[in-house]
Amino acid sequence: MKTLQIKSRQQVEMIDITRDVCNVISEYNVTDGLAVIFTPHTTAAITINENADPDVCRDIVMQINKMIPMQDGYRHLEGNSAAHIKSSLFGASETLLINKGEVVLGTWQGIYFCEFDGPRQRQVQIKVIGR
């Protein structure tokens, strides 16, 4: 398993980690298999979405902040309940297919680390399984 270090700069942001993830996966020289991308944080997430137009990420961040505002009478003492909720909705992991030595992603797809309680130093763990 390999770990990427991610430094977020905003409270809520989506960071494109596609190149870093693909570079790690290629180190394993796996022809066919799977790669699990996981973040061990309860206020962050991993997702796959469009990476051709940066407005898509801006729109996602804008809408998720409208749906789940930072302050809304939450009872959690740390004051980051919204971040926990957002993390649960997006999920802590994604599984990627590896076929003929290449990560299988659609033409417009990218892998994103989603920060919901930043800025912070974070980790993304990558586990490659295959032959």
N, C-alpha and C. Protein backbone atom coordinates (compact mmCIF):
# COMPACT_ATOMS: atom_id res chain seq x y z
N MET A 1 0.85 -1.18 0.00
CA MET A 1 0.00 0.00 0.00
C MET A 1 0.89 1.24 0.00
N LYS A 2 0.48 2.23 -0.77
CA LYS A 2 1.20 3.51 -0.84
C LYS A 2 0.29 4.61 -0.30
N THR A 3 0.90 5.64 0.26
CA THR A 3 0.15 6.77 0.81
C THR A 3 0.58 8.06 0.11
N LEU A 4 -0.41 8.80 -0.37
CA LEU A 4 -0.18 10.14 -0.91
C LEU A 4 -0.46 11.15 0.19
N GLN A 5 0.34 12.19 0.23
CA GLN A 5 0.12 13.30 1.14
C GLN A 5 -0.60 14.41 0.36
N ILE A 6 -1.70 14.88 0.90
CA ILE A 6 -2.50 15.91 0.24
C ILE A 6 -2.60 17.11 1.18
N LYS A 7 -2.35 18.29 0.65
CA LYS A 7 -2.50 19.51 1.44
C LYS A 7 -3.64 20.33 0.83
N SER A 8 -4.71 20.45 1.58
CA SER A 8 -5.83 21.27 1.09
C SER A 8 -5.59 22.72 1.48
N ARG A 9 -6.18 23.62 0.73
CA ARG A 9 -5.98 25.05 0.96
C ARG A 9 -7.25 25.80 1.30
N GLN A 10 -8.40 25.14 1.13
CA GLN A 10 -9.68 25.78 1.40
C GLN A 10 -10.51 24.90 2.33
N GLN A 11 -11.56 25.47 2.88
CA GLN A 11 -12.42 24.70 3.77
C GLN A 11 -13.11 23.56 3.01
N VAL A 12 -13.63 23.88 1.83
CA VAL A 12 -14.26 22.87 0.99
C VAL A 12 -13.66 23.01 -0.41
N GLU A 13 -13.08 21.91 -0.91
CA GLU A 13 -12.51 21.93 -2.25
C GLU A 13 -12.36 20.51 -2.79
N MET A 14 -12.26 20.43 -4.10
CA MET A 14 -12.02 19.17 -4.77
C MET A 14 -10.65 19.27 -5.44
N ILE A 15 -9.76 18.35 -5.09
CA ILE A 15 -8.39 18.36 -5.58
C ILE A 15 -8.20 17.19 -6.54
N ASP A 16 -7.83 17.48 -7.77
CA ASP A 16 -7.62 16.45 -8.78
C ASP A 16 -6.33 15.69 -8.44
N ILE A 17 -6.47 14.41 -8.14
CA ILE A 17 -5.33 13.56 -7.79
C ILE A 17 -5.11 12.46 -8.83
N THR A 18 -5.74 12.60 -9.99
CA THR A 18 -5.69 11.55 -11.01
C THR A 18 -4.26 11.17 -11.37
N ARG A 19 -3.44 12.15 -11.71
CA ARG A 19 -2.07 11.86 -12.14
C ARG A 19 -1.28 11.17 -11.05
N ASP A 20 -1.40 11.65 -9.81
CA ASP A 20 -0.66 11.04 -8.70
C ASP A 20 -1.10 9.60 -8.47
N VAL A 21 -2.41 9.36 -8.51
CA VAL A 21 -2.93 8.00 -8.31
C VAL A 21 -2.45 7.08 -9.43
N CYS A 22 -2.54 7.52 -10.67
CA CYS A 22 -2.11 6.70 -11.81
C CYS A 22 -0.62 6.42 -11.75
N ASN A 23 0.18 7.39 -11.32
CA ASN A 23 1.62 7.16 -11.18
C ASN A 23 1.92 6.09 -10.14
N VAL A 24 1.22 6.14 -9.01
CA VAL A 24 1.42 5.11 -7.98
C VAL A 24 1.02 3.74 -8.52
N ILE A 25 -0.12 3.67 -9.17
CA ILE A 25 -0.59 2.38 -9.69
C ILE A 25 0.40 1.81 -10.70
N SER A 26 0.96 2.66 -11.55
CA SER A 26 1.90 2.18 -12.57
C SER A 26 3.17 1.59 -11.95
N GLU A 27 3.54 2.02 -10.74
CA GLU A 27 4.72 1.47 -10.05
C GLU A 27 4.58 -0.02 -9.77
N TYR A 28 3.36 -0.52 -9.70
CA TYR A 28 3.13 -1.92 -9.35
C TYR A 28 3.24 -2.86 -10.54
N ASN A 29 3.27 -2.31 -11.76
CA ASN A 29 3.36 -3.13 -12.97
C ASN A 29 2.29 -4.21 -13.03
N VAL A 30 1.08 -3.87 -12.62
CA VAL A 30 -0.05 -4.80 -12.66
C VAL A 30 -0.69 -4.72 -14.04
N THR A 31 -0.91 -5.87 -14.65
CA THR A 31 -1.55 -5.92 -15.97
C THR A 31 -3.06 -5.86 -15.84
N ASP A 32 -3.61 -6.68 -14.97
CA ASP A 32 -5.05 -6.73 -14.74
C ASP A 32 -5.33 -6.80 -13.25
N GLY A 33 -6.21 -5.92 -12.77
CA GLY A 33 -6.52 -5.94 -11.35
C GLY A 33 -7.39 -4.77 -10.94
N LEU A 34 -7.25 -4.42 -9.67
CA LEU A 34 -8.03 -3.36 -9.06
C LEU A 34 -7.11 -2.47 -8.23
N ALA A 35 -7.53 -1.24 -8.09
CA ALA A 35 -6.86 -0.32 -7.17
C ALA A 35 -7.93 0.33 -6.32
N VAL A 36 -7.75 0.25 -5.02
CA VAL A 36 -8.68 0.89 -4.09
C VAL A 36 -8.03 2.18 -3.62
N ILE A 37 -8.75 3.28 -3.75
CA ILE A 37 -8.30 4.59 -3.32
C ILE A 37 -9.13 4.94 -2.09
N PHE A 38 -8.47 5.19 -0.96
CA PHE A 38 -9.15 5.36 0.32
C PHE A 38 -8.57 6.53 1.08
N THR A 39 -9.43 7.28 1.74
CA THR A 39 -8.94 8.32 2.64
C THR A 39 -9.41 8.00 4.06
N PRO A 40 -8.49 7.99 5.03
CA PRO A 40 -8.84 7.61 6.40
C PRO A 40 -9.31 8.80 7.25
N HIS A 41 -10.08 9.68 6.65
CA HIS A 41 -10.54 10.87 7.35
C HIS A 41 -12.07 10.92 7.32
N THR A 42 -12.67 11.32 8.43
CA THR A 42 -14.13 11.36 8.51
C THR A 42 -14.73 12.66 8.00
N THR A 43 -13.89 13.59 7.56
CA THR A 43 -14.39 14.84 7.01
C THR A 43 -13.82 15.09 5.61
N ALA A 44 -13.48 14.02 4.92
CA ALA A 44 -12.97 14.09 3.56
C ALA A 44 -13.55 12.92 2.77
N ALA A 45 -13.32 12.91 1.46
CA ALA A 45 -13.89 11.85 0.63
C ALA A 45 -13.07 11.69 -0.65
N ILE A 46 -13.39 10.63 -1.38
CA ILE A 46 -12.83 10.37 -2.69
C ILE A 46 -14.00 10.23 -3.66
N THR A 47 -13.87 10.84 -4.84
CA THR A 47 -14.92 10.69 -5.85
C THR A 47 -14.30 10.72 -7.23
N ILE A 48 -15.07 10.25 -8.20
CA ILE A 48 -14.69 10.32 -9.61
C ILE A 48 -15.72 11.19 -10.30
N ASN A 49 -15.24 12.18 -11.07
CA ASN A 49 -16.14 13.05 -11.80
C ASN A 49 -15.38 13.70 -12.95
N GLU A 50 -16.03 14.59 -13.65
CA GLU A 50 -15.42 15.23 -14.81
C GLU A 50 -14.20 16.06 -14.41
N ASN A 51 -13.14 15.95 -15.22
CA ASN A 51 -11.95 16.76 -14.96
C ASN A 51 -11.57 17.62 -16.17
N ALA A 52 -12.46 17.74 -17.14
CA ALA A 52 -12.16 18.57 -18.32
C ALA A 52 -12.51 20.03 -18.09
N ASP A 53 -13.57 20.28 -17.37
CA ASP A 53 -14.04 21.65 -17.13
C ASP A 53 -14.04 21.91 -15.63
N PRO A 54 -13.18 22.81 -15.14
CA PRO A 54 -13.11 23.08 -13.70
C PRO A 54 -14.40 23.65 -13.12
N ASP A 55 -15.28 24.14 -13.97
CA ASP A 55 -16.57 24.64 -13.46
C ASP A 55 -17.42 23.52 -12.87
N VAL A 56 -17.21 22.29 -13.31
CA VAL A 56 -17.97 21.17 -12.73
C VAL A 56 -17.67 21.06 -11.24
N CYS A 57 -16.40 21.08 -10.87
CA CYS A 57 -16.03 21.01 -9.44
C CYS A 57 -16.55 22.22 -8.68
N ARG A 58 -16.43 23.39 -9.27
CA ARG A 58 -16.95 24.59 -8.61
C ARG A 58 -18.45 24.47 -8.38
N ASP A 59 -19.17 23.94 -9.37
CA ASP A 59 -20.61 23.76 -9.23
C ASP A 59 -20.95 22.74 -8.15
N ILE A 60 -20.18 21.66 -8.09
CA ILE A 60 -20.42 20.64 -7.06
C ILE A 60 -20.20 21.24 -5.68
N VAL A 61 -19.10 21.95 -5.50
CA VAL A 61 -18.80 22.57 -4.20
C VAL A 61 -19.90 23.58 -3.85
N MET A 62 -20.30 24.39 -4.79
CA MET A 62 -21.35 25.38 -4.54
C MET A 62 -22.65 24.70 -4.10
N GLN A 63 -23.04 23.66 -4.79
CA GLN A 63 -24.31 23.01 -4.49
C GLN A 63 -24.26 22.23 -3.18
N ILE A 64 -23.16 21.52 -2.91
CA ILE A 64 -23.07 20.76 -1.67
C ILE A 64 -23.06 21.70 -0.47
N ASN A 65 -22.46 22.89 -0.63
CA ASN A 65 -22.49 23.88 0.46
C ASN A 65 -23.88 24.45 0.67
N LYS A 66 -24.67 24.57 -0.39
CA LYS A 66 -26.07 25.02 -0.24
C LYS A 66 -26.90 23.95 0.46
N MET A 67 -26.70 22.71 0.04
CA MET A 67 -27.49 21.60 0.60
C MET A 67 -27.15 21.34 2.06
N ILE A 68 -25.86 21.47 2.39
CA ILE A 68 -25.40 21.17 3.74
C ILE A 68 -24.55 22.35 4.21
N PRO A 69 -25.18 23.38 4.77
CA PRO A 69 -24.43 24.56 5.21
C PRO A 69 -23.53 24.26 6.40
N MET A 70 -22.46 25.03 6.53
CA MET A 70 -21.51 24.81 7.62
C MET A 70 -22.17 25.00 8.99
N GLN A 71 -23.04 25.97 9.11
CA GLN A 71 -23.73 26.22 10.38
C GLN A 71 -25.22 26.00 10.15
N ASP A 72 -25.81 25.08 10.92
CA ASP A 72 -27.24 24.81 10.75
C ASP A 72 -27.83 24.21 12.03
N GLY A 73 -27.33 24.65 13.17
CA GLY A 73 -27.84 24.15 14.43
C GLY A 73 -27.37 22.75 14.79
N TYR A 74 -26.24 22.32 14.24
CA TYR A 74 -25.70 21.00 14.53
C TYR A 74 -25.27 20.93 16.00
N ARG A 75 -25.28 19.74 16.57
CA ARG A 75 -24.95 19.57 17.99
C ARG A 75 -23.51 19.11 18.23
N HIS A 76 -22.83 18.64 17.23
CA HIS A 76 -21.45 18.15 17.38
C HIS A 76 -20.55 19.28 17.90
N LEU A 77 -19.85 19.03 18.97
CA LEU A 77 -19.09 20.06 19.66
C LEU A 77 -17.94 20.65 18.84
N GLU A 78 -17.35 19.88 17.93
CA GLU A 78 -16.23 20.38 17.15
C GLU A 78 -16.65 21.40 16.09
N GLY A 79 -17.94 21.47 15.81
CA GLY A 79 -18.43 22.45 14.84
C GLY A 79 -18.21 22.07 13.38
N ASN A 80 -17.94 20.79 13.11
CA ASN A 80 -17.71 20.38 11.73
C ASN A 80 -18.67 19.27 11.28
N SER A 81 -19.87 19.29 11.81
CA SER A 81 -20.87 18.28 11.42
C SER A 81 -21.14 18.29 9.93
N ALA A 82 -21.19 19.47 9.33
CA ALA A 82 -21.45 19.56 7.89
C ALA A 82 -20.39 18.76 7.12
N ALA A 83 -19.14 18.85 7.55
CA ALA A 83 -18.06 18.12 6.89
C ALA A 83 -18.25 16.61 7.03
N HIS A 84 -18.68 16.15 8.19
CA HIS A 84 -18.94 14.72 8.39
C HIS A 84 -20.07 14.24 7.48
N ILE A 85 -21.11 15.03 7.35
CA ILE A 85 -22.25 14.67 6.51
C ILE A 85 -21.83 14.59 5.05
N LYS A 86 -21.10 15.59 4.59
CA LYS A 86 -20.63 15.61 3.20
C LYS A 86 -19.74 14.40 2.92
N SER A 87 -18.85 14.08 3.84
CA SER A 87 -17.97 12.93 3.68
C SER A 87 -18.78 11.65 3.53
N SER A 88 -19.80 11.49 4.34
CA SER A 88 -20.63 10.28 4.26
C SER A 88 -21.37 10.19 2.94
N LEU A 89 -21.82 11.32 2.43
CA LEU A 89 -22.55 11.31 1.15
C LEU A 89 -21.64 10.95 -0.02
N PHE A 90 -20.42 11.45 -0.01
CA PHE A 90 -19.49 11.16 -1.11
C PHE A 90 -18.83 9.80 -0.95
N GLY A 91 -18.41 9.46 0.26
CA GLY A 91 -17.76 8.18 0.51
C GLY A 91 -16.25 8.29 0.63
N ALA A 92 -15.67 7.39 1.39
CA ALA A 92 -14.24 7.43 1.69
C ALA A 92 -13.37 6.72 0.67
N SER A 93 -13.98 6.05 -0.31
CA SER A 93 -13.15 5.28 -1.24
C SER A 93 -13.79 5.15 -2.62
N GLU A 94 -12.94 4.80 -3.57
CA GLU A 94 -13.34 4.43 -4.92
C GLU A 94 -12.48 3.25 -5.34
N THR A 95 -13.04 2.38 -6.17
CA THR A 95 -12.30 1.26 -6.72
C THR A 95 -12.13 1.47 -8.21
N LEU A 96 -10.89 1.33 -8.67
CA LEU A 96 -10.57 1.51 -10.09
C LEU A 96 -10.22 0.17 -10.72
N LEU A 97 -10.59 0.01 -11.97
CA LEU A 97 -10.19 -1.17 -12.74
C LEU A 97 -8.84 -0.89 -13.39
N ILE A 98 -8.02 -1.95 -13.46
CA ILE A 98 -6.75 -1.88 -14.20
C ILE A 98 -6.86 -2.92 -15.30
N ASN A 99 -6.72 -2.48 -16.53
CA ASN A 99 -6.84 -3.38 -17.68
C ASN A 99 -5.66 -3.14 -18.63
N LYS A 100 -4.94 -4.20 -18.95
CA LYS A 100 -3.77 -4.10 -19.83
C LYS A 100 -2.78 -3.06 -19.33
N GLY A 101 -2.63 -3.00 -18.01
CA GLY A 101 -1.66 -2.12 -17.39
C GLY A 101 -2.10 -0.67 -17.25
N GLU A 102 -3.32 -0.35 -17.65
CA GLU A 102 -3.82 1.02 -17.60
C GLU A 102 -5.03 1.14 -16.68
N VAL A 103 -5.11 2.25 -15.98
CA VAL A 103 -6.29 2.55 -15.17
C VAL A 103 -7.45 2.84 -16.12
N VAL A 104 -8.59 2.23 -15.85
CA VAL A 104 -9.76 2.43 -16.70
C VAL A 104 -10.57 3.61 -16.16
N LEU A 105 -10.55 4.70 -16.93
CA LEU A 105 -11.36 5.89 -16.63
C LEU A 105 -11.98 6.35 -17.93
N GLY A 106 -13.17 6.94 -17.85
CA GLY A 106 -13.80 7.50 -19.02
C GLY A 106 -13.02 8.71 -19.52
N THR A 107 -13.30 9.12 -20.74
CA THR A 107 -12.59 10.22 -21.38
C THR A 107 -12.52 11.46 -20.51
N TRP A 108 -13.60 11.78 -19.83
CA TRP A 108 -13.68 13.03 -19.07
C TRP A 108 -13.53 12.81 -17.57
N GLN A 109 -13.25 11.59 -17.14
CA GLN A 109 -13.21 11.30 -15.71
C GLN A 109 -11.86 11.59 -15.07
N GLY A 110 -11.93 12.08 -13.83
CA GLY A 110 -10.76 12.27 -13.01
C GLY A 110 -11.06 11.82 -11.59
N ILE A 111 -10.02 11.61 -10.81
CA ILE A 111 -10.14 11.16 -9.42
C ILE A 111 -9.90 12.38 -8.53
N TYR A 112 -10.80 12.59 -7.60
CA TYR A 112 -10.72 13.78 -6.74
C TYR A 112 -10.66 13.42 -5.26
N PHE A 113 -9.80 14.14 -4.56
CA PHE A 113 -9.84 14.17 -3.10
C PHE A 113 -10.76 15.32 -2.74
N CYS A 114 -11.77 15.06 -1.94
CA CYS A 114 -12.74 16.07 -1.54
C CYS A 114 -12.48 16.49 -0.09
N GLU A 115 -12.12 17.72 0.08
CA GLU A 115 -11.88 18.30 1.40
C GLU A 115 -13.15 19.00 1.86
N PHE A 116 -13.58 18.68 3.07
CA PHE A 116 -14.78 19.31 3.62
C PHE A 116 -14.53 20.02 4.94
N ASP A 117 -13.28 19.97 5.44
CA ASP A 117 -12.97 20.57 6.74
C ASP A 117 -11.54 21.11 6.74
N GLY A 118 -11.20 21.83 5.69
CA GLY A 118 -9.84 22.30 5.53
C GLY A 118 -9.67 23.73 5.98
N PRO A 119 -8.47 24.22 5.73
CA PRO A 119 -7.34 23.53 5.13
C PRO A 119 -6.65 22.59 6.12
N ARG A 120 -6.14 21.49 5.58
CA ARG A 120 -5.49 20.47 6.40
C ARG A 120 -4.45 19.69 5.59
N GLN A 121 -3.63 18.95 6.31
CA GLN A 121 -2.75 17.96 5.71
C GLN A 121 -3.50 16.64 5.78
N ARG A 122 -3.62 15.95 4.64
CA ARG A 122 -4.43 14.73 4.57
C ARG A 122 -3.64 13.60 3.92
N GLN A 123 -4.24 12.41 3.98
CA GLN A 123 -3.65 11.23 3.36
C GLN A 123 -4.66 10.54 2.45
N VAL A 124 -4.14 9.96 1.38
CA VAL A 124 -4.91 9.10 0.51
C VAL A 124 -4.11 7.81 0.37
N GLN A 125 -4.73 6.70 0.65
CA GLN A 125 -4.06 5.41 0.58
C GLN A 125 -4.50 4.67 -0.67
N ILE A 126 -3.55 4.01 -1.31
CA ILE A 126 -3.80 3.29 -2.55
C ILE A 126 -3.33 1.85 -2.39
N LYS A 127 -4.24 0.93 -2.59
CA LYS A 127 -3.92 -0.50 -2.52
C LYS A 127 -4.19 -1.11 -3.89
N VAL A 128 -3.18 -1.73 -4.48
CA VAL A 128 -3.28 -2.33 -5.80
C VAL A 128 -3.32 -3.85 -5.63
N ILE A 129 -4.28 -4.47 -6.30
CA ILE A 129 -4.46 -5.92 -6.24
C ILE A 129 -4.52 -6.44 -7.66
N GLY A 130 -3.69 -7.40 -8.01
CA GLY A 130 -3.76 -7.92 -9.38
C GLY A 130 -2.55 -8.73 -9.75
N ARG A 131 -2.47 -8.95 -11.03
CA ARG A 131 -1.34 -9.74 -11.57
C ARG A 131 -0.69 -9.01 -12.71
